[in-house]
Amino acid sequence: MSDDQSARAVAAAEALGLDYEVTRHGPVRSLAEAAAVRGLEPRQIVKTMVVRVAEGDHRFVLVPGDREIAWPKLRALLGVNRLSMPSAEAAYAVTGFVRGTITPLGALAPLPVVADVEVRGRISIGGGAHGVALTVDAGQLLTALDATVADVTEPGQP
């Protein structure tokens, strides 16, 4: 599993016509650290989660850094009784990105995207490698990805 797929993520951003800024930084140990090195608020750091709906059926879920998936809300939105997080190996097989670097930009499979309603304004998403992020306008990104926007998160643990 290769850790640096940032060129693929940047090429996807280019292909979608996104206005973006690439940030490269060293290791970070917390959301607060990641936000600080990117010059953003923690809520602007958006995590890309891979969720398994059924065998061979996955979704990207975009979650603001200060929030977490509200599983009952996401299950209701998707009309299912059960969801799971795939193993690191399964997530890599589906996306081509290792955990901690996953982005909806340049994934091996064009998975449907669900974005929480709190994903808005200027945001930073994973850039395909540890310490690489793309800062983009959320509206432009969500439109380009044809994302479903819904209330699917709740405040995270402090």
N, C-alpha and C. Protein backbone atom coordinates (compact mmCIF):
# COMPACT_ATOMS: atom_id res chain seq x y z
N MET A 1 0.85 -1.19 0.00
CA MET A 1 0.00 0.00 0.00
C MET A 1 0.89 1.24 0.00
N SER A 2 0.78 2.03 -1.03
CA SER A 2 1.57 3.25 -1.12
C SER A 2 0.87 4.39 -0.39
N ASP A 3 1.65 5.13 0.36
CA ASP A 3 1.11 6.22 1.16
C ASP A 3 0.96 7.51 0.37
N ASP A 4 1.72 7.69 -0.72
CA ASP A 4 1.64 8.97 -1.41
C ASP A 4 0.94 8.86 -2.75
N GLN A 5 -0.34 9.18 -2.72
CA GLN A 5 -1.15 9.22 -3.93
C GLN A 5 -1.65 10.64 -4.17
N SER A 6 -0.87 11.62 -3.67
CA SER A 6 -1.32 13.01 -3.75
C SER A 6 -1.43 13.50 -5.19
N ALA A 7 -0.58 13.01 -6.09
CA ALA A 7 -0.67 13.44 -7.49
C ALA A 7 -2.03 13.06 -8.08
N ARG A 8 -2.54 11.89 -7.70
CA ARG A 8 -3.85 11.44 -8.18
C ARG A 8 -4.96 12.35 -7.66
N ALA A 9 -4.87 12.74 -6.38
CA ALA A 9 -5.88 13.62 -5.79
C ALA A 9 -5.85 15.00 -6.45
N VAL A 10 -4.65 15.53 -6.66
CA VAL A 10 -4.53 16.84 -7.30
C VAL A 10 -5.03 16.79 -8.74
N ALA A 11 -4.70 15.71 -9.47
CA ALA A 11 -5.17 15.58 -10.85
C ALA A 11 -6.70 15.52 -10.90
N ALA A 12 -7.31 14.87 -9.92
CA ALA A 12 -8.77 14.80 -9.87
C ALA A 12 -9.36 16.19 -9.61
N ALA A 13 -8.75 16.95 -8.71
CA ALA A 13 -9.21 18.31 -8.43
C ALA A 13 -9.12 19.16 -9.70
N GLU A 14 -8.03 19.01 -10.42
CA GLU A 14 -7.86 19.73 -11.70
C GLU A 14 -8.95 19.32 -12.70
N ALA A 15 -9.17 18.02 -12.83
CA ALA A 15 -10.15 17.51 -13.80
C ALA A 15 -11.56 18.00 -13.49
N LEU A 16 -11.86 18.18 -12.20
CA LEU A 16 -13.18 18.68 -11.80
C LEU A 16 -13.28 20.20 -11.91
N GLY A 17 -12.17 20.86 -12.21
CA GLY A 17 -12.18 22.31 -12.34
C GLY A 17 -12.26 23.04 -11.01
N LEU A 18 -11.81 22.38 -9.94
CA LEU A 18 -11.87 23.01 -8.61
C LEU A 18 -10.78 24.05 -8.43
N ASP A 19 -11.12 25.10 -7.71
CA ASP A 19 -10.11 26.04 -7.24
C ASP A 19 -9.61 25.45 -5.93
N TYR A 20 -8.31 25.21 -5.82
CA TYR A 20 -7.79 24.55 -4.62
C TYR A 20 -6.40 25.07 -4.29
N GLU A 21 -6.01 24.80 -3.07
CA GLU A 21 -4.67 25.12 -2.59
C GLU A 21 -4.14 23.86 -1.91
N VAL A 22 -2.94 23.44 -2.28
CA VAL A 22 -2.32 22.26 -1.66
C VAL A 22 -1.50 22.72 -0.46
N THR A 23 -1.69 22.04 0.67
CA THR A 23 -0.90 22.29 1.86
C THR A 23 -0.12 21.02 2.17
N ARG A 24 1.18 21.18 2.40
CA ARG A 24 2.03 20.05 2.79
C ARG A 24 2.65 20.39 4.14
N HIS A 25 2.55 19.46 5.08
CA HIS A 25 3.10 19.69 6.41
C HIS A 25 3.56 18.37 7.01
N GLY A 26 4.31 18.46 8.08
CA GLY A 26 4.79 17.26 8.76
C GLY A 26 3.68 16.58 9.53
N PRO A 27 4.05 15.54 10.29
CA PRO A 27 3.06 14.79 11.06
C PRO A 27 2.33 15.68 12.07
N VAL A 28 1.05 15.40 12.25
CA VAL A 28 0.26 16.09 13.27
C VAL A 28 -0.36 15.02 14.16
N ARG A 29 -0.57 15.38 15.43
CA ARG A 29 -1.06 14.39 16.38
C ARG A 29 -2.49 14.64 16.84
N SER A 30 -3.11 15.71 16.32
CA SER A 30 -4.47 16.01 16.75
C SER A 30 -5.17 16.86 15.71
N LEU A 31 -6.47 16.94 15.85
CA LEU A 31 -7.27 17.81 15.00
C LEU A 31 -6.83 19.26 15.16
N ALA A 32 -6.60 19.68 16.39
CA ALA A 32 -6.18 21.06 16.66
C ALA A 32 -4.86 21.37 15.97
N GLU A 33 -3.93 20.42 16.01
CA GLU A 33 -2.64 20.61 15.34
C GLU A 33 -2.82 20.71 13.83
N ALA A 34 -3.63 19.83 13.27
CA ALA A 34 -3.88 19.84 11.83
C ALA A 34 -4.49 21.18 11.42
N ALA A 35 -5.45 21.65 12.18
CA ALA A 35 -6.10 22.93 11.88
C ALA A 35 -5.08 24.06 11.96
N ALA A 36 -4.25 24.06 12.99
CA ALA A 36 -3.27 25.13 13.18
C ALA A 36 -2.28 25.20 12.02
N VAL A 37 -1.74 24.04 11.59
CA VAL A 37 -0.75 24.08 10.50
C VAL A 37 -1.39 24.44 9.16
N ARG A 38 -2.70 24.26 9.05
CA ARG A 38 -3.39 24.61 7.81
C ARG A 38 -4.03 26.00 7.88
N GLY A 39 -3.92 26.66 9.04
CA GLY A 39 -4.48 27.99 9.20
C GLY A 39 -5.99 28.02 9.19
N LEU A 40 -6.62 26.97 9.73
CA LEU A 40 -8.07 26.86 9.71
C LEU A 40 -8.60 26.52 11.10
N GLU A 41 -9.91 26.55 11.23
CA GLU A 41 -10.58 26.12 12.46
C GLU A 41 -10.79 24.60 12.38
N PRO A 42 -10.85 23.90 13.52
CA PRO A 42 -11.07 22.45 13.49
C PRO A 42 -12.29 22.02 12.67
N ARG A 43 -13.38 22.79 12.71
CA ARG A 43 -14.57 22.41 11.95
C ARG A 43 -14.33 22.44 10.44
N GLN A 44 -13.29 23.16 10.00
CA GLN A 44 -12.99 23.26 8.58
C GLN A 44 -12.15 22.10 8.06
N ILE A 45 -11.61 21.29 8.96
CA ILE A 45 -10.87 20.09 8.55
C ILE A 45 -11.92 19.01 8.35
N VAL A 46 -12.09 18.56 7.13
CA VAL A 46 -13.16 17.61 6.82
C VAL A 46 -12.57 16.22 6.60
N LYS A 47 -13.07 15.28 7.40
CA LYS A 47 -12.64 13.89 7.31
C LYS A 47 -13.47 13.19 6.23
N THR A 48 -12.80 12.38 5.42
CA THR A 48 -13.49 11.55 4.44
C THR A 48 -13.53 10.14 4.99
N MET A 49 -14.71 9.69 5.35
CA MET A 49 -14.90 8.35 5.90
C MET A 49 -15.46 7.45 4.80
N VAL A 50 -15.01 6.19 4.79
CA VAL A 50 -15.56 5.20 3.88
C VAL A 50 -16.50 4.32 4.69
N VAL A 51 -17.73 4.22 4.24
CA VAL A 51 -18.74 3.43 4.94
C VAL A 51 -19.21 2.31 4.01
N ARG A 52 -19.30 1.10 4.56
CA ARG A 52 -19.77 -0.05 3.80
C ARG A 52 -21.28 -0.19 4.03
N VAL A 53 -22.04 -0.11 2.94
CA VAL A 53 -23.49 -0.25 3.01
C VAL A 53 -23.87 -1.73 2.84
N ALA A 54 -23.21 -2.38 1.90
CA ALA A 54 -23.43 -3.80 1.62
C ALA A 54 -22.21 -4.30 0.85
N GLU A 55 -22.14 -5.58 0.60
CA GLU A 55 -21.03 -6.14 -0.16
C GLU A 55 -20.90 -5.40 -1.49
N GLY A 56 -19.74 -4.81 -1.72
CA GLY A 56 -19.49 -4.08 -2.96
C GLY A 56 -20.18 -2.73 -3.06
N ASP A 57 -20.76 -2.24 -1.97
CA ASP A 57 -21.49 -0.97 -1.97
C ASP A 57 -20.95 -0.10 -0.83
N HIS A 58 -20.19 0.92 -1.22
CA HIS A 58 -19.57 1.82 -0.25
C HIS A 58 -19.95 3.26 -0.56
N ARG A 59 -19.82 4.13 0.45
CA ARG A 59 -20.07 5.57 0.29
C ARG A 59 -18.92 6.32 0.96
N PHE A 60 -18.64 7.50 0.43
CA PHE A 60 -17.81 8.46 1.14
C PHE A 60 -18.75 9.30 1.99
N VAL A 61 -18.37 9.54 3.23
CA VAL A 61 -19.12 10.45 4.08
C VAL A 61 -18.16 11.54 4.54
N LEU A 62 -18.49 12.79 4.22
CA LEU A 62 -17.65 13.93 4.58
C LEU A 62 -18.14 14.51 5.90
N VAL A 63 -17.23 14.53 6.89
CA VAL A 63 -17.57 14.86 8.26
C VAL A 63 -16.67 15.99 8.76
N PRO A 64 -17.23 17.11 9.23
CA PRO A 64 -16.40 18.16 9.80
C PRO A 64 -15.55 17.63 10.95
N GLY A 65 -14.35 18.15 11.10
CA GLY A 65 -13.40 17.65 12.08
C GLY A 65 -13.91 17.61 13.50
N ASP A 66 -14.78 18.53 13.87
CA ASP A 66 -15.27 18.59 15.25
C ASP A 66 -16.56 17.79 15.45
N ARG A 67 -16.92 16.96 14.45
CA ARG A 67 -18.16 16.19 14.53
C ARG A 67 -17.86 14.73 14.23
N GLU A 68 -18.84 13.86 14.46
CA GLU A 68 -18.70 12.45 14.12
C GLU A 68 -20.00 11.96 13.51
N ILE A 69 -19.91 10.83 12.81
CA ILE A 69 -21.09 10.28 12.16
C ILE A 69 -22.15 9.94 13.20
N ALA A 70 -23.38 10.36 12.94
CA ALA A 70 -24.54 9.95 13.75
C ALA A 70 -25.13 8.76 13.00
N TRP A 71 -24.78 7.56 13.44
CA TRP A 71 -25.14 6.35 12.71
C TRP A 71 -26.64 6.21 12.46
N PRO A 72 -27.52 6.49 13.43
CA PRO A 72 -28.96 6.37 13.12
C PRO A 72 -29.39 7.32 11.99
N LYS A 73 -28.85 8.52 11.98
CA LYS A 73 -29.21 9.48 10.92
C LYS A 73 -28.71 8.99 9.56
N LEU A 74 -27.48 8.47 9.51
CA LEU A 74 -26.93 8.01 8.24
C LEU A 74 -27.67 6.77 7.75
N ARG A 75 -27.99 5.85 8.66
CA ARG A 75 -28.76 4.66 8.26
C ARG A 75 -30.13 5.07 7.70
N ALA A 76 -30.78 6.02 8.35
CA ALA A 76 -32.09 6.48 7.88
C ALA A 76 -31.98 7.11 6.49
N LEU A 77 -30.96 7.93 6.29
CA LEU A 77 -30.76 8.57 4.99
C LEU A 77 -30.57 7.52 3.89
N LEU A 78 -29.77 6.50 4.19
CA LEU A 78 -29.45 5.49 3.18
C LEU A 78 -30.50 4.38 3.12
N GLY A 79 -31.46 4.39 4.05
CA GLY A 79 -32.53 3.40 4.02
C GLY A 79 -32.08 1.99 4.35
N VAL A 80 -31.12 1.89 5.27
CA VAL A 80 -30.61 0.57 5.66
C VAL A 80 -30.66 0.42 7.18
N ASN A 81 -30.60 -0.83 7.63
CA ASN A 81 -30.59 -1.11 9.07
C ASN A 81 -29.18 -1.26 9.62
N ARG A 82 -28.20 -1.47 8.74
CA ARG A 82 -26.85 -1.73 9.20
C ARG A 82 -25.84 -1.07 8.28
N LEU A 83 -24.83 -0.46 8.88
CA LEU A 83 -23.68 0.10 8.17
C LEU A 83 -22.44 -0.34 8.92
N SER A 84 -21.30 -0.37 8.24
CA SER A 84 -20.06 -0.68 8.94
C SER A 84 -18.91 0.09 8.31
N MET A 85 -17.82 0.14 9.07
CA MET A 85 -16.60 0.74 8.57
C MET A 85 -15.75 -0.41 8.05
N PRO A 86 -15.29 -0.35 6.81
CA PRO A 86 -14.46 -1.44 6.29
C PRO A 86 -13.09 -1.44 6.98
N SER A 87 -12.43 -2.57 6.91
CA SER A 87 -11.06 -2.66 7.43
C SER A 87 -10.16 -1.72 6.63
N ALA A 88 -8.98 -1.45 7.15
CA ALA A 88 -8.03 -0.59 6.44
C ALA A 88 -7.71 -1.17 5.06
N GLU A 89 -7.57 -2.48 4.99
CA GLU A 89 -7.25 -3.13 3.72
C GLU A 89 -8.42 -3.00 2.74
N ALA A 90 -9.63 -3.19 3.23
CA ALA A 90 -10.80 -3.06 2.35
C ALA A 90 -10.98 -1.62 1.88
N ALA A 91 -10.77 -0.66 2.76
CA ALA A 91 -10.87 0.76 2.37
C ALA A 91 -9.83 1.09 1.30
N TYR A 92 -8.63 0.55 1.47
CA TYR A 92 -7.58 0.78 0.46
C TYR A 92 -7.96 0.16 -0.88
N ALA A 93 -8.52 -1.05 -0.84
CA ALA A 93 -8.91 -1.73 -2.07
C ALA A 93 -9.96 -0.94 -2.84
N VAL A 94 -10.86 -0.29 -2.11
CA VAL A 94 -11.94 0.47 -2.73
C VAL A 94 -11.47 1.84 -3.21
N THR A 95 -10.62 2.51 -2.42
CA THR A 95 -10.25 3.89 -2.72
C THR A 95 -8.88 4.08 -3.33
N GLY A 96 -7.94 3.17 -3.01
CA GLY A 96 -6.56 3.36 -3.44
C GLY A 96 -5.79 4.28 -2.52
N PHE A 97 -6.40 4.64 -1.38
CA PHE A 97 -5.75 5.50 -0.40
C PHE A 97 -5.67 4.77 0.94
N VAL A 98 -4.55 4.98 1.67
CA VAL A 98 -4.44 4.40 3.01
C VAL A 98 -5.22 5.27 3.98
N ARG A 99 -5.65 4.67 5.09
CA ARG A 99 -6.39 5.42 6.12
C ARG A 99 -5.57 6.63 6.55
N GLY A 100 -6.27 7.71 6.78
CA GLY A 100 -5.60 8.95 7.16
C GLY A 100 -5.25 9.81 5.97
N THR A 101 -5.41 9.27 4.75
CA THR A 101 -5.13 10.03 3.53
C THR A 101 -6.31 10.01 2.57
N ILE A 102 -7.38 9.33 2.96
CA ILE A 102 -8.52 9.11 2.06
C ILE A 102 -9.19 10.43 1.69
N THR A 103 -9.50 10.55 0.42
CA THR A 103 -10.16 11.72 -0.14
C THR A 103 -11.12 11.25 -1.23
N PRO A 104 -12.21 11.97 -1.45
CA PRO A 104 -13.08 11.60 -2.57
C PRO A 104 -12.48 11.98 -3.92
N LEU A 105 -11.37 12.69 -3.90
CA LEU A 105 -10.73 13.14 -5.13
C LEU A 105 -9.71 12.11 -5.60
N GLY A 106 -10.00 11.46 -6.72
CA GLY A 106 -9.06 10.52 -7.30
C GLY A 106 -9.15 9.11 -6.76
N ALA A 107 -10.23 8.79 -6.08
CA ALA A 107 -10.40 7.42 -5.59
C ALA A 107 -10.50 6.45 -6.77
N LEU A 108 -10.11 5.21 -6.53
CA LEU A 108 -10.15 4.21 -7.59
C LEU A 108 -11.55 3.99 -8.14
N ALA A 109 -12.54 4.04 -7.23
CA ALA A 109 -13.94 3.89 -7.64
C ALA A 109 -14.67 5.19 -7.33
N PRO A 110 -15.49 5.68 -8.25
CA PRO A 110 -16.25 6.91 -7.99
C PRO A 110 -17.44 6.63 -7.07
N LEU A 111 -17.16 6.62 -5.77
CA LEU A 111 -18.21 6.30 -4.80
C LEU A 111 -19.17 7.47 -4.63
N PRO A 112 -20.45 7.18 -4.37
CA PRO A 112 -21.38 8.26 -4.03
C PRO A 112 -20.89 8.97 -2.76
N VAL A 113 -21.16 10.27 -2.69
CA VAL A 113 -20.69 11.08 -1.57
C VAL A 113 -21.88 11.62 -0.78
N VAL A 114 -21.80 11.45 0.53
CA VAL A 114 -22.75 12.07 1.46
C VAL A 114 -21.95 13.08 2.26
N ALA A 115 -22.42 14.32 2.30
CA ALA A 115 -21.73 15.37 3.07
C ALA A 115 -22.68 15.89 4.13
N ASP A 116 -22.15 16.05 5.32
CA ASP A 116 -22.95 16.63 6.39
C ASP A 116 -23.27 18.09 6.06
N VAL A 117 -24.41 18.57 6.54
CA VAL A 117 -24.83 19.95 6.29
C VAL A 117 -23.84 20.97 6.85
N GLU A 118 -23.02 20.56 7.80
CA GLU A 118 -22.03 21.47 8.39
C GLU A 118 -20.77 21.62 7.55
N VAL A 119 -20.66 20.86 6.46
CA VAL A 119 -19.53 20.99 5.53
C VAL A 119 -19.85 22.17 4.63
N ARG A 120 -19.25 23.33 4.97
CA ARG A 120 -19.54 24.54 4.19
C ARG A 120 -18.41 25.54 4.36
N GLY A 121 -18.37 26.47 3.42
CA GLY A 121 -17.32 27.49 3.45
C GLY A 121 -16.00 26.93 2.96
N ARG A 122 -14.94 27.50 3.44
CA ARG A 122 -13.59 27.07 3.07
C ARG A 122 -13.24 25.86 3.94
N ILE A 123 -12.89 24.73 3.28
CA ILE A 123 -12.58 23.50 4.01
C ILE A 123 -11.26 22.91 3.52
N SER A 124 -10.73 22.01 4.32
CA SER A 124 -9.52 21.29 3.97
C SER A 124 -9.83 19.80 4.02
N ILE A 125 -9.55 19.10 2.92
CA ILE A 125 -9.79 17.65 2.86
C ILE A 125 -8.47 16.95 2.60
N GLY A 126 -8.46 15.65 2.85
CA GLY A 126 -7.26 14.86 2.61
C GLY A 126 -6.79 14.99 1.18
N GLY A 127 -5.47 14.90 1.03
CA GLY A 127 -4.89 15.06 -0.29
C GLY A 127 -4.20 13.82 -0.83
N GLY A 128 -4.52 12.64 -0.27
CA GLY A 128 -3.97 11.42 -0.82
C GLY A 128 -2.65 10.96 -0.22
N ALA A 129 -2.11 11.71 0.75
CA ALA A 129 -0.88 11.32 1.42
C ALA A 129 -0.87 11.95 2.80
N HIS A 130 -0.15 11.34 3.73
CA HIS A 130 -0.04 11.92 5.06
C HIS A 130 0.64 13.28 4.94
N GLY A 131 0.07 14.29 5.61
CA GLY A 131 0.64 15.63 5.58
C GLY A 131 0.33 16.42 4.33
N VAL A 132 -0.61 15.94 3.51
CA VAL A 132 -1.02 16.65 2.30
C VAL A 132 -2.52 16.88 2.37
N ALA A 133 -2.94 18.12 2.13
CA ALA A 133 -4.35 18.46 2.16
C ALA A 133 -4.66 19.43 1.03
N LEU A 134 -5.92 19.42 0.62
CA LEU A 134 -6.39 20.38 -0.37
C LEU A 134 -7.43 21.27 0.29
N THR A 135 -7.23 22.56 0.20
CA THR A 135 -8.20 23.52 0.72
C THR A 135 -9.04 23.98 -0.46
N VAL A 136 -10.36 23.85 -0.29
CA VAL A 136 -11.30 24.13 -1.37
C VAL A 136 -12.54 24.81 -0.82
N ASP A 137 -13.36 25.33 -1.72
CA ASP A 137 -14.67 25.83 -1.33
C ASP A 137 -15.62 24.64 -1.26
N ALA A 138 -16.27 24.46 -0.11
CA ALA A 138 -17.14 23.30 0.08
C ALA A 138 -18.25 23.24 -0.97
N GLY A 139 -18.89 24.35 -1.26
CA GLY A 139 -19.97 24.35 -2.24
C GLY A 139 -19.50 23.88 -3.60
N GLN A 140 -18.36 24.37 -4.04
CA GLN A 140 -17.81 23.97 -5.33
C GLN A 140 -17.48 22.46 -5.33
N LEU A 141 -16.88 21.99 -4.24
CA LEU A 141 -16.52 20.58 -4.14
C LEU A 141 -17.77 19.70 -4.14
N LEU A 142 -18.75 20.04 -3.32
CA LEU A 142 -19.95 19.21 -3.21
C LEU A 142 -20.73 19.17 -4.51
N THR A 143 -20.77 20.28 -5.23
CA THR A 143 -21.42 20.31 -6.53
C THR A 143 -20.67 19.42 -7.52
N ALA A 144 -19.34 19.54 -7.54
CA ALA A 144 -18.53 18.76 -8.48
C ALA A 144 -18.66 17.26 -8.21
N LEU A 145 -18.81 16.89 -6.94
CA LEU A 145 -18.94 15.47 -6.56
C LEU A 145 -20.38 14.97 -6.59
N ASP A 146 -21.32 15.87 -6.91
CA ASP A 146 -22.75 15.53 -6.89
C ASP A 146 -23.14 14.91 -5.55
N ALA A 147 -22.66 15.54 -4.48
CA ALA A 147 -22.86 15.02 -3.13
C ALA A 147 -24.30 15.19 -2.67
N THR A 148 -24.75 14.23 -1.87
CA THR A 148 -26.00 14.35 -1.14
C THR A 148 -25.67 15.06 0.17
N VAL A 149 -26.30 16.19 0.42
CA VAL A 149 -26.03 16.96 1.64
C VAL A 149 -27.17 16.72 2.61
N ALA A 150 -26.83 16.27 3.82
CA ALA A 150 -27.86 15.94 4.82
C ALA A 150 -27.27 16.04 6.21
N ASP A 151 -28.14 16.10 7.18
CA ASP A 151 -27.75 16.12 8.60
C ASP A 151 -27.41 14.69 9.01
N VAL A 152 -26.11 14.34 9.00
CA VAL A 152 -25.71 12.97 9.32
C VAL A 152 -24.62 12.90 10.40
N THR A 153 -24.40 14.02 11.12
CA THR A 153 -23.38 14.00 12.17
C THR A 153 -23.95 14.55 13.47
N GLU A 154 -23.12 14.45 14.51
CA GLU A 154 -23.41 15.03 15.81
C GLU A 154 -22.09 15.56 16.37
N PRO A 155 -22.15 16.44 17.35
CA PRO A 155 -20.90 16.96 17.91
C PRO A 155 -20.00 15.82 18.40
N GLY A 156 -18.71 15.98 18.13
CA GLY A 156 -17.74 14.96 18.55
C GLY A 156 -17.40 15.09 20.02
N GLN A 157 -16.67 14.09 20.51
CA GLN A 157 -16.23 14.11 21.89
C GLN A 157 -15.13 15.17 22.05
N PRO A 158 -15.18 15.98 23.11
CA PRO A 158 -14.17 17.03 23.28
C PRO A 158 -12.79 16.47 23.53
